Amino acid sequence: MHSSSPQAPHADLIAHLTRSSGLNPREAARVVAEVLAYFSETTAEFVQRRHTELQARGLTNEQIFQRIAEELPARRVAAPQLSARQLRRIVYG
């Protein structure tokens, strides 16, 4: 039964994490917010973020685009199959 008072978003999940993990409610809410933000990333945002991360590790664009193409199908929301050219267009416009 729902009470008439509004609950914080994902209050049940935050309460579960607080009980099961030893996190306090503020920490649990921050973890939930971080996970939701991670999984709400669009394909374009993911490609741009990963390109920047992999470029910082010294990988070449050829290596980067191959790696990103391999990672995309494992994303929470399956991304469409993108060619290296499409990946470059996302990064460079």
Protein backbone atom coordinates (compact mmCIF):
# COMPACT_ATOMS: atom_id res chain seq x y z
CA MET A 1 0.00 0.00 0.00
CA HIS A 2 1.35 3.42 -0.96
CA SER A 3 1.29 6.26 1.52
CA SER A 4 0.10 9.69 0.50
CA SER A 5 3.50 11.26 1.22
CA PRO A 6 5.90 11.42 -1.72
CA GLN A 7 8.92 9.11 -1.57
CA ALA A 8 12.38 9.84 -2.85
CA PRO A 9 13.05 8.28 -6.26
CA HIS A 10 14.18 4.67 -5.85
CA ALA A 11 13.59 4.75 -2.08
CA ASP A 12 13.11 0.97 -1.94
CA LEU A 13 16.44 0.36 -3.68
CA ILE A 14 18.22 2.86 -1.43
CA ALA A 15 16.74 1.19 1.66
CA HIS A 16 17.80 -2.24 0.36
CA LEU A 17 21.37 -1.05 -0.26
CA THR A 18 21.48 0.54 3.18
CA ARG A 19 20.39 -2.73 4.81
CA SER A 20 22.53 -5.05 2.72
CA SER A 21 25.75 -3.14 2.16
CA GLY A 22 26.55 -1.10 5.22
CA LEU A 23 26.22 2.13 3.21
CA ASN A 24 24.38 4.97 4.88
CA PRO A 25 21.31 6.34 3.05
CA ARG A 26 23.23 9.27 1.53
CA GLU A 27 25.96 6.95 0.18
CA ALA A 28 23.39 4.48 -1.15
CA ALA A 29 21.49 7.30 -2.90
CA ARG A 30 24.75 8.48 -4.50
CA VAL A 31 25.53 4.95 -5.74
CA VAL A 32 22.04 4.63 -7.24
CA ALA A 33 22.37 8.02 -8.94
CA GLU A 34 25.79 7.08 -10.37
CA VAL A 35 24.54 3.75 -11.71
CA LEU A 36 21.47 5.37 -13.29
CA ALA A 37 23.64 8.05 -14.91
CA TYR A 38 26.00 5.38 -16.26
CA PHE A 39 23.17 3.39 -17.81
CA SER A 40 21.39 6.44 -19.22
CA GLU A 41 24.39 7.31 -21.39
CA THR A 42 23.46 7.51 -25.06
CA THR A 43 25.39 5.63 -27.72
CA ALA A 44 27.01 8.87 -28.89
CA GLU A 45 27.99 9.84 -25.32
CA PHE A 46 29.45 6.37 -24.73
CA VAL A 47 31.45 6.46 -27.99
CA GLN A 48 32.82 9.92 -27.22
CA ARG A 49 33.69 9.03 -23.60
CA ARG A 50 35.39 5.75 -24.54
CA HIS A 51 37.29 7.41 -27.40
CA THR A 52 38.69 9.99 -24.98
CA GLU A 53 39.57 7.32 -22.38
CA LEU A 54 41.27 5.00 -24.88
CA GLN A 55 43.07 7.85 -26.63
CA ALA A 56 44.49 8.90 -23.24
CA ARG A 57 45.88 5.35 -22.92
CA GLY A 58 47.76 5.84 -26.18
CA LEU A 59 45.66 3.63 -28.46
CA THR A 60 45.41 4.53 -32.14
CA ASN A 61 42.06 5.42 -33.68
CA GLU A 62 42.05 2.08 -35.51
CA GLN A 63 42.46 0.25 -32.19
CA ILE A 64 39.97 2.54 -30.46
CA PHE A 65 37.20 2.12 -33.01
CA GLN A 66 37.68 -1.66 -33.06
CA ARG A 67 37.46 -1.79 -29.25
CA ILE A 68 34.38 0.44 -29.15
CA ALA A 69 32.66 -1.63 -31.84
CA GLU A 70 33.30 -4.74 -29.69
CA GLU A 71 32.02 -3.06 -26.51
CA LEU A 72 28.79 -1.59 -27.92
CA PRO A 73 26.78 -4.84 -28.07
CA ALA A 74 27.39 -5.38 -24.33
CA ARG A 75 25.83 -2.04 -23.39
CA ARG A 76 22.60 -2.14 -21.35
CA VAL A 77 20.59 -0.92 -24.30
CA ALA A 78 21.96 -2.64 -27.35
CA ALA A 79 23.39 -0.11 -29.72
CA PRO A 80 23.05 -0.46 -33.45
CA GLN A 81 25.98 -1.97 -35.33
CA LEU A 82 28.18 1.01 -36.24
CA SER A 83 30.95 1.06 -38.81
CA ALA A 84 34.32 2.67 -38.10
CA ARG A 85 33.20 5.57 -40.30
CA GLN A 86 30.04 6.08 -38.23
CA LEU A 87 32.10 5.95 -35.03
CA ARG A 88 34.48 8.58 -36.43
CA ARG A 89 31.54 10.83 -37.34
CA ILE A 90 30.25 10.64 -33.75
CA VAL A 91 33.66 11.66 -32.40
CA TYR A 92 34.71 14.20 -35.00
CA GLY A 93 31.36 15.36 -36.42
